[in-house]
Amino acid sequence: MSQQVSRVTADGTGGRPDRLTVLAFLGDPATEQVLRDGLGDMPANGMDIRRGTVRTAIAAMAKMQTPEVLIVDIAGEEQPLHALGELSDVVEPGVRVLVIGDTDDVDFYRHITRGMGVMEYIFKPITREAVARHFAPLITRKTIGQEATRGGRVIAVMGARGGVGATTIAGNLSWLLGVMAKRHTVFVESDIHMGSGALLLGGKTGPGLRMALETPDRIDPLFVERAAQPVAERLQVLASEEKLTEPLHYAPGAARRLIEALRVRYNFIILDVPFLPMQCNRELIEFAHHRVIVMDPTLASVRDTLRLLGLPNGPWQPQSPTIVLNRQGRPGGLTRKQIEEALKVKIDIVIPDIPKQLNESASFGEPAIATKGPFRQAIIDLSREVGFVANRDESMIDGTAQLTSVGGIFKMLGFSKG
């Protein structure tokens, strides 16, 4: 194919200031909604999303001015390469073509991005995170530095206020990624005095986290290996249980240095961070790739979620935080509609009020995600939101967790489920 799909003008800007920033032709409403949520108000000169396929785009581009960015949906197309070749004949010079499809194949990706000039490709079902990470920089031309893309992915889970279930969600997300999906994962409990994440996962606490936050010069790969305590083969916990009379003497910059060291060792770093006005917590949140705000259906939680949404994004965060509404349907609680009207944003993940299952999970040291049901599905959906992509042959989504290493805390305490 002699002509590339995407061509850039001589000045490298690839566009005129008067034309539409983004024009998209998408085949289904779910993809359209995710694209809108992932891009938000990023397109400077507007975004127009139309229902259609790559064939619809070809017909439209033959008659109208090409936008700065053209997004086409090739899902279901019998001859996608041929269709993209036809598209290349009708787009104007300078257009940046982004493609959404249903083919999860590395060779296909390489062929259309390296051989045909498509700037980026993501496959369905798409997520806000994928749109923000892969499409947004090409639309805004604001790239994220290499330091953010090299190494593991950092997820900060914050409770809008105490007691909303953020630790439970962070712990179960860690279990999903480390045990069920077999990704090298570490759960970091930033509250060194009252944190319960290690207890939830059946892991041990130790002095390593406090040492790292007070004396960052000691942080190196060997320190990380020794400080993190194993829960399962690919899940570890980094947590402390310090005396209440011994405050943390935090060294500025230690949180970032710890994150950088952990990213060399782990695929996912899950931070359980209560948003208290402490420099340590602020730095942990700032240098995460993705923020997750957990709230419950109360007026106070809505107020504090609004305050957290007002925080500026960190340098590694191209997208807005993911909002998790926990305990939806609790007697006396606000409805989802009332909460979304107050927040003026959509809730991304909803977890119903299932106190019996979660209380039993906490009591017996077994993660709630081990049981099929709405809680497990919510955590799976959350994992996709924060950047986890399952392999094509991975069966963990529908499989059951192997609880070979759970309940260690009960062995230590001398309890049993019987």
Protein backbone atom coordinates (compact mmCIF):
# COMPACT_ATOMS: atom_id res chain seq x y z
CA MET A 1 0.00 0.00 0.00
CA SER A 2 1.77 3.10 -1.24
CA GLN A 3 -0.05 5.78 0.69
CA GLN A 4 -0.19 5.96 4.47
CA VAL A 5 -3.39 6.56 6.39
CA SER A 6 -1.92 9.32 8.52
CA ARG A 7 0.10 12.16 6.99
CA VAL A 8 1.62 15.15 8.76
CA THR A 9 2.21 18.62 7.35
CA ALA A 10 5.66 20.07 6.95
CA ASP A 11 5.49 22.18 10.12
CA GLY A 12 4.64 19.08 12.16
CA THR A 13 1.45 20.54 13.59
CA GLY A 14 -0.83 18.67 11.20
CA GLY A 15 -3.81 20.99 11.38
CA ARG A 16 -5.56 24.32 10.83
CA PRO A 17 -6.95 26.18 13.83
CA ASP A 18 -10.46 26.40 12.35
CA ARG A 19 -11.21 22.72 11.89
CA LEU A 20 -12.80 20.21 14.26
CA THR A 21 -10.33 18.56 16.63
CA VAL A 22 -11.89 15.08 16.78
CA LEU A 23 -14.35 13.32 14.49
CA ALA A 24 -15.22 9.72 15.38
CA PHE A 25 -17.24 7.02 13.65
CA LEU A 26 -18.15 4.32 16.17
CA GLY A 27 -20.24 1.19 15.83
CA ASP A 28 -21.90 0.91 19.26
CA PRO A 29 -23.14 3.16 22.10
CA ALA A 30 -20.92 1.56 24.77
CA THR A 31 -17.74 2.48 22.88
CA GLU A 32 -19.09 5.97 22.29
CA GLN A 33 -19.74 6.53 26.00
CA VAL A 34 -16.29 5.32 27.02
CA LEU A 35 -14.64 7.57 24.43
CA ARG A 36 -16.59 10.58 25.70
CA ASP A 37 -15.69 9.80 29.31
CA GLY A 38 -12.03 9.16 28.50
CA LEU A 39 -11.48 12.35 26.50
CA GLY A 40 -13.86 14.70 28.29
CA ASP A 41 -13.12 18.30 27.35
CA MET A 42 -9.63 17.59 25.98
CA PRO A 43 -10.37 18.30 22.29
CA ALA A 44 -9.71 22.04 21.95
CA ASN A 45 -11.99 22.67 18.96
CA GLY A 46 -14.66 20.18 19.85
CA MET A 47 -15.49 16.53 19.25
CA ASP A 48 -18.16 15.06 16.99
CA ILE A 49 -19.06 11.38 17.46
CA ARG A 50 -21.24 9.71 14.85
CA ARG A 51 -22.63 6.20 14.64
CA GLY A 52 -20.99 4.26 11.83
CA THR A 53 -18.09 2.13 10.65
CA VAL A 54 -14.87 2.69 8.77
CA ARG A 55 -16.96 2.48 5.58
CA THR A 56 -19.11 5.35 6.87
CA ALA A 57 -15.94 7.32 7.54
CA ILE A 58 -14.64 6.70 4.00
CA ALA A 59 -17.86 7.99 2.48
CA ALA A 60 -17.91 11.05 4.76
CA MET A 61 -14.25 11.96 4.24
CA ALA A 62 -14.73 11.96 0.47
CA LYS A 63 -17.17 14.86 0.86
CA MET A 64 -16.04 16.87 3.89
CA GLN A 65 -13.00 18.48 5.46
CA THR A 66 -10.91 16.08 7.50
CA PRO A 67 -10.61 16.93 11.21
CA GLU A 68 -7.31 17.08 13.06
CA VAL A 69 -7.98 13.63 14.54
CA LEU A 70 -10.11 10.94 12.92
CA ILE A 71 -11.19 7.94 15.01
CA VAL A 72 -12.65 4.97 13.15
CA ASP A 73 -14.17 1.71 14.32
CA ILE A 74 -13.12 -1.34 12.26
CA ALA A 75 -14.80 -3.94 14.49
CA GLY A 76 -16.72 -6.43 12.39
CA GLU A 77 -15.06 -5.30 9.14
CA GLU A 78 -14.21 -8.35 7.01
CA GLN A 79 -11.28 -6.65 5.26
CA PRO A 80 -9.95 -4.06 7.73
CA LEU A 81 -6.60 -3.57 5.99
CA HIS A 82 -8.26 -2.95 2.66
CA ALA A 83 -10.72 -0.53 4.28
CA LEU A 84 -7.92 1.42 5.94
CA GLY A 85 -6.18 1.59 2.60
CA GLU A 86 -9.30 3.12 1.06
CA LEU A 87 -9.47 5.59 3.94
CA SER A 88 -5.93 6.73 3.18
CA ASP A 89 -7.09 7.88 -0.26
CA VAL A 90 -9.65 10.33 1.09
CA VAL A 91 -8.14 11.86 4.25
CA GLU A 92 -6.39 15.21 4.03
CA PRO A 93 -2.70 15.63 4.82
CA GLY A 94 -2.03 16.10 8.53
CA VAL A 95 -4.85 13.98 9.91
CA ARG A 96 -4.03 11.78 12.87
CA VAL A 97 -5.92 8.51 12.46
CA LEU A 98 -6.75 6.46 15.56
CA VAL A 99 -8.39 3.06 15.22
CA ILE A 100 -10.65 0.97 17.45
CA GLY A 101 -11.21 -2.68 16.57
CA ASP A 102 -11.89 -6.18 17.80
CA THR A 103 -8.60 -7.83 16.82
CA ASP A 104 -6.23 -8.51 19.72
CA ASP A 105 -3.14 -9.40 17.71
CA VAL A 106 0.36 -7.94 17.93
CA ASP A 107 1.14 -8.50 14.24
CA PHE A 108 -2.03 -6.67 13.22
CA TYR A 109 -1.17 -3.78 15.53
CA ARG A 110 2.34 -3.51 14.12
CA HIS A 111 1.14 -3.70 10.55
CA ILE A 112 -1.36 -0.85 10.77
CA THR A 113 0.75 1.42 13.01
CA ARG A 114 4.13 0.88 11.38
CA GLY A 115 3.19 -0.04 7.85
CA MET A 116 0.03 1.99 7.26
CA GLY A 117 0.55 5.12 9.32
CA VAL A 118 -2.22 4.64 11.85
CA MET A 119 -1.04 6.51 14.94
CA GLU A 120 -2.61 4.22 17.56
CA TYR A 121 -4.91 1.24 17.89
CA ILE A 122 -6.88 -0.14 20.84
CA PHE A 123 -9.22 -3.13 20.85
CA LYS A 124 -12.64 -3.62 22.39
CA PRO A 125 -13.94 -3.52 24.99
CA ILE A 126 -12.15 -0.19 25.39
CA THR A 127 -11.75 1.51 28.76
CA ARG A 128 -11.43 5.11 29.87
CA GLU A 129 -7.91 4.33 30.98
CA ALA A 130 -6.91 3.01 27.55
CA VAL A 131 -8.44 6.04 25.84
CA ALA A 132 -6.71 8.46 28.21
CA ARG A 133 -3.37 6.68 28.05
CA HIS A 134 -3.15 5.89 24.33
CA PHE A 135 -5.43 8.35 22.52
CA ALA A 136 -5.39 11.51 24.65
CA PRO A 137 -1.68 12.38 24.22
CA LEU A 138 -2.05 12.12 20.44
CA ILE A 139 -5.05 14.45 20.53
CA THR A 140 -3.66 17.05 22.95
CA ARG A 141 0.01 16.62 21.90
CA LYS A 142 0.88 16.58 25.58
CA THR A 143 3.03 13.51 26.02
CA ILE A 144 3.79 11.80 29.30
CA GLY A 145 7.51 11.43 30.00
CA GLN A 146 9.34 8.16 29.60
CA GLU A 147 9.75 7.90 33.37
CA ALA A 148 5.99 7.39 33.66
CA THR A 149 5.82 4.63 31.05
CA ARG A 150 8.77 2.53 32.16
CA GLY A 151 8.12 0.04 34.93
CA GLY A 152 5.05 -1.03 36.85
CA ARG A 153 1.74 0.77 37.06
CA VAL A 154 0.88 2.68 40.25
CA ILE A 155 -2.73 2.82 41.47
CA ALA A 156 -3.72 5.04 44.42
CA VAL A 157 -6.96 3.98 46.12
CA MET A 158 -8.37 6.74 48.32
CA GLY A 159 -11.40 6.72 50.57
CA ALA A 160 -13.49 9.88 50.40
CA ARG A 161 -13.56 9.55 54.18
CA GLY A 162 -12.85 6.88 56.76
CA GLY A 163 -14.92 3.70 56.77
CA VAL A 164 -16.13 3.73 53.15
CA GLY A 165 -14.34 0.47 52.28
CA ALA A 166 -11.27 1.73 50.40
CA THR A 167 -8.92 -0.74 52.07
CA THR A 168 -11.23 -3.67 51.28
CA ILE A 169 -11.38 -2.63 47.64
CA ALA A 170 -7.63 -2.01 47.38
CA GLY A 171 -6.86 -5.35 49.01
CA ASN A 172 -9.20 -7.31 46.75
CA LEU A 173 -7.87 -5.51 43.67
CA SER A 174 -4.38 -6.56 44.74
CA TRP A 175 -5.55 -10.17 45.16
CA LEU A 176 -7.13 -10.17 41.72
CA LEU A 177 -3.97 -8.89 40.05
CA GLY A 178 -1.40 -10.84 42.06
CA VAL A 179 -3.09 -14.19 42.76
CA MET A 180 -5.80 -14.62 40.14
CA ALA A 181 -4.10 -12.84 37.22
CA LYS A 182 -0.57 -13.79 38.36
CA ARG A 183 0.95 -10.33 37.86
CA HIS A 184 3.75 -9.31 40.20
CA THR A 185 1.83 -7.07 42.61
CA VAL A 186 2.57 -5.27 45.86
CA PHE A 187 -0.02 -3.80 48.21
CA VAL A 188 1.32 -0.72 50.05
CA GLU A 189 -0.47 0.42 53.22
CA SER A 190 0.44 4.07 53.78
CA ASP A 191 -1.14 4.23 57.25
CA ILE A 192 1.68 2.84 59.36
CA HIS A 193 -0.28 3.04 62.63
CA MET A 194 -3.86 1.92 61.99
CA GLY A 195 -3.81 0.31 58.55
CA SER A 196 -5.67 -2.98 58.17
CA GLY A 197 -4.71 -4.00 54.63
CA ALA A 198 -2.09 -6.54 55.66
CA LEU A 199 -4.57 -8.05 58.11
CA LEU A 200 -7.18 -8.33 55.36
CA LEU A 201 -4.79 -10.18 53.05
CA GLY A 202 -3.28 -12.40 55.71
CA GLY A 203 0.13 -10.73 55.32
CA LYS A 204 2.74 -9.70 57.85
CA THR A 205 3.78 -6.19 58.77
CA GLY A 206 7.36 -5.08 59.30
CA PRO A 207 9.59 -2.05 59.83
CA GLY A 208 10.52 -1.69 56.15
CA LEU A 209 7.87 0.83 55.09
CA ARG A 210 8.64 3.20 57.93
CA MET A 211 12.37 2.96 57.21
CA ALA A 212 11.74 3.79 53.56
CA LEU A 213 9.64 6.85 54.36
CA GLU A 214 12.04 8.17 57.01
CA THR A 215 15.41 7.25 55.44
CA PRO A 216 14.97 7.10 51.65
CA ASP A 217 18.73 6.79 51.09
CA ARG A 218 18.36 3.16 52.18
CA ILE A 219 15.98 2.33 49.36
CA ASP A 220 17.46 0.02 46.74
CA PRO A 221 16.37 -3.24 45.03
CA LEU A 222 17.65 -5.38 47.90
CA PHE A 223 15.80 -3.23 50.44
CA VAL A 224 12.55 -3.65 48.49
CA GLU A 225 13.01 -7.43 48.32
CA ARG A 226 13.48 -7.67 52.08
CA ALA A 227 10.84 -5.14 53.14
CA ALA A 228 7.85 -6.54 51.22
CA GLN A 229 6.27 -9.57 52.90
CA PRO A 230 4.88 -12.44 50.78
CA VAL A 231 1.17 -13.28 50.74
CA ALA A 232 1.26 -15.51 47.65
CA GLU A 233 3.75 -16.30 44.93
CA ARG A 234 3.14 -13.02 43.10
CA LEU A 235 1.48 -10.89 45.77
CA GLN A 236 3.36 -9.11 48.52
CA VAL A 237 2.48 -6.58 51.19
CA LEU A 238 4.47 -3.57 52.33
CA ALA A 239 2.97 -2.39 55.60
CA SER A 240 3.97 -1.40 59.12
CA GLU A 241 2.22 -1.53 62.49
CA GLU A 242 3.92 1.15 64.55
CA LYS A 243 3.19 2.23 68.10
CA LEU A 244 0.65 5.03 68.32
CA THR A 245 3.09 7.04 70.41
CA GLU A 246 5.74 7.05 67.66
CA PRO A 247 4.87 9.51 64.85
CA LEU A 248 6.27 9.20 61.35
CA HIS A 249 9.18 11.55 60.63
CA TYR A 250 8.71 11.73 56.90
CA ALA A 251 11.60 12.69 54.62
CA PRO A 252 10.35 14.81 51.67
CA GLY A 253 10.69 12.96 48.39
CA ALA A 254 10.78 9.52 50.01
CA ALA A 255 7.40 8.45 48.60
CA ARG A 256 8.48 9.08 45.02
CA ARG A 257 11.77 7.29 45.55
CA LEU A 258 9.94 4.29 47.02
CA ILE A 259 7.49 4.22 44.09
CA GLU A 260 10.35 4.31 41.59
CA ALA A 261 12.05 1.37 43.31
CA LEU A 262 8.82 -0.65 43.47
CA ARG A 263 8.09 -0.06 39.78
CA VAL A 264 11.31 -1.86 38.85
CA ARG A 265 10.17 -4.98 40.71
CA TYR A 266 6.36 -5.14 40.29
CA ASN A 267 3.82 -4.93 37.47
CA PHE A 268 1.26 -3.28 39.75
CA ILE A 269 1.72 -1.18 42.89
CA ILE A 270 -1.59 -0.72 44.74
CA LEU A 271 -1.43 2.14 47.25
CA ASP A 272 -4.02 2.30 50.02
CA VAL A 273 -3.86 6.01 50.82
CA PRO A 274 -6.24 7.74 53.24
CA PHE A 275 -6.33 11.36 52.15
CA LEU A 276 -5.08 13.03 55.28
CA PRO A 277 -3.27 16.38 54.94
CA MET A 278 0.17 14.77 55.19
CA GLN A 279 3.06 15.30 52.80
CA CYS A 280 3.67 11.56 52.49
CA ASN A 281 0.12 10.88 51.33
CA ARG A 282 0.12 13.84 48.95
CA GLU A 283 3.28 12.59 47.24
CA LEU A 284 1.99 9.02 46.97
CA ILE A 285 -1.19 10.30 45.31
CA GLU A 286 0.67 12.70 43.04
CA PHE A 287 2.97 10.06 41.55
CA ALA A 288 0.33 7.43 40.89
CA HIS A 289 -0.71 6.70 37.32
CA HIS A 290 -4.36 6.38 38.28
CA ARG A 291 -6.46 7.54 41.23
CA VAL A 292 -9.46 5.63 42.52
CA ILE A 293 -11.86 7.44 44.86
CA VAL A 294 -14.07 5.19 46.98
CA MET A 295 -17.22 6.69 48.46
CA ASP A 296 -20.43 5.51 50.10
CA PRO A 297 -23.98 6.86 49.55
CA THR A 298 -23.85 9.58 52.21
CA LEU A 299 -23.92 13.36 51.98
CA ALA A 300 -20.57 13.67 53.79
CA SER A 301 -18.99 11.28 51.32
CA VAL A 302 -20.33 13.30 48.39
CA ARG A 303 -18.85 16.47 49.88
CA ASP A 304 -15.43 14.92 50.36
CA THR A 305 -15.46 13.27 46.94
CA LEU A 306 -16.00 16.70 45.40
CA ARG A 307 -12.97 17.97 47.30
CA LEU A 308 -10.84 15.07 46.07
CA LEU A 309 -12.01 15.62 42.49
CA GLY A 310 -10.78 19.19 42.83
CA LEU A 311 -7.18 18.06 43.33
CA PRO A 312 -4.99 18.68 40.26
CA ASN A 313 -3.79 15.65 38.33
CA GLY A 314 -0.24 14.51 38.91
CA PRO A 315 2.35 14.42 36.10
CA TRP A 316 1.60 10.75 35.32
CA GLN A 317 -2.21 11.07 35.32
CA PRO A 318 -3.75 11.85 31.92
CA GLN A 319 -7.29 10.99 33.02
CA SER A 320 -9.73 11.91 35.76
CA PRO A 321 -10.05 9.62 38.81
CA THR A 322 -12.23 6.53 38.77
CA ILE A 323 -15.14 6.87 41.20
CA VAL A 324 -16.31 3.75 43.04
CA LEU A 325 -19.64 3.92 44.84
CA ASN A 326 -19.56 1.31 47.59
CA ARG A 327 -22.55 0.00 49.59
CA GLN A 328 -25.12 1.24 47.09
CA GLY A 329 -28.65 0.42 48.24
CA ARG A 330 -27.82 0.71 51.93
CA PRO A 331 -30.94 1.69 53.91
CA GLY A 332 -31.17 5.46 54.20
CA GLY A 333 -28.47 6.09 51.60
CA LEU A 334 -28.56 8.43 48.64
CA THR A 335 -29.45 7.05 45.21
CA ARG A 336 -26.94 6.83 42.39
CA LYS A 337 -28.85 9.49 40.47
CA GLN A 338 -28.76 11.88 43.42
CA ILE A 339 -25.01 11.35 43.85
CA GLU A 340 -24.21 11.85 40.18
CA GLU A 341 -26.29 15.03 40.08
CA ALA A 342 -24.38 16.36 43.08
CA LEU A 343 -20.95 15.37 41.73
CA LYS A 344 -21.79 16.42 38.14
CA VAL A 345 -19.82 13.41 36.94
CA LYS A 346 -20.65 9.77 36.32
CA ILE A 347 -19.95 7.04 38.85
CA ASP A 348 -17.74 4.45 37.16
CA ILE A 349 -18.08 1.38 39.40
CA VAL A 350 -20.99 0.48 41.69
CA ILE A 351 -20.73 -2.12 44.46
CA PRO A 352 -24.02 -3.09 46.13
CA ASP A 353 -24.48 -3.22 49.88
CA ILE A 354 -23.51 -6.81 50.76
CA PRO A 355 -22.48 -6.60 54.42
CA LYS A 356 -22.80 -10.34 55.15
CA GLN A 357 -20.29 -11.38 52.46
CA LEU A 358 -17.78 -8.65 53.29
CA ASN A 359 -18.03 -9.16 57.05
CA GLU A 360 -17.40 -12.89 56.66
CA SER A 361 -14.47 -12.13 54.37
CA ALA A 362 -12.91 -9.80 56.93
CA SER A 363 -13.56 -12.23 59.79
CA PHE A 364 -12.01 -15.27 58.12
CA GLY A 365 -9.14 -13.63 56.23
CA GLU A 366 -10.38 -14.69 52.79
CA PRO A 367 -10.73 -12.01 50.11
CA ALA A 368 -14.33 -11.38 49.08
CA ILE A 369 -13.32 -11.65 45.43
CA ALA A 370 -12.89 -15.40 45.94
CA THR A 371 -16.69 -15.73 45.71
CA LYS A 372 -18.47 -15.19 42.41
CA GLY A 373 -21.00 -12.39 42.49
CA PRO A 374 -21.45 -8.63 42.09
CA PHE A 375 -18.46 -7.76 44.29
CA ARG A 376 -16.07 -9.85 42.23
CA GLN A 377 -17.44 -8.43 38.98
CA ALA A 378 -17.01 -4.89 40.30
CA ILE A 379 -13.36 -5.53 41.16
CA ILE A 380 -12.78 -7.07 37.72
CA ASP A 381 -14.34 -3.98 36.13
CA LEU A 382 -12.15 -1.78 38.31
CA SER A 383 -9.03 -3.69 37.23
CA ARG A 384 -9.83 -2.86 33.61
CA GLU A 385 -10.37 0.78 34.52
CA VAL A 386 -6.93 1.10 36.08
CA GLY A 387 -5.04 -0.54 33.24
CA PHE A 388 -5.14 -4.33 33.58
CA VAL A 389 -5.55 -6.15 30.29
CA ALA A 390 -6.01 -9.92 30.45
CA ASN A 391 -4.19 -12.19 28.02
CA ARG A 392 -6.38 -13.85 25.41
CA ASP A 393 -5.83 -17.26 27.00
CA GLU A 394 -6.31 -16.04 30.56
CA SER A 395 -9.19 -17.68 32.36
CA MET A 396 -8.99 -15.81 35.65
CA ILE A 397 -12.03 -13.67 34.83
CA ASP A 398 -14.35 -16.66 34.94
CA GLY A 399 -12.26 -18.92 37.12
CA THR A 400 -12.21 -19.26 40.86
CA ALA A 401 -9.47 -18.11 43.17
CA GLN A 402 -7.12 -20.69 44.56
CA LEU A 403 -7.05 -19.95 48.27
CA THR A 404 -3.87 -21.86 49.01
CA SER A 405 -2.24 -19.06 50.94
CA VAL A 406 -5.19 -17.23 52.44
CA GLY A 407 -6.03 -17.23 56.10
CA GLY A 408 -2.43 -17.01 57.25
CA ILE A 409 -3.44 -14.43 59.80
CA PHE A 410 -5.72 -16.99 61.48
CA LYS A 411 -2.93 -19.51 61.73
CA MET A 412 -0.86 -16.84 63.46
CA LEU A 413 -3.72 -15.98 65.82
CA GLY A 414 -4.76 -19.58 66.46
CA PHE A 415 -8.26 -19.30 64.94
CA SER A 416 -9.99 -21.58 62.46
CA LYS A 417 -13.16 -21.28 60.40
CA GLY A 418 -14.70 -24.25 62.13
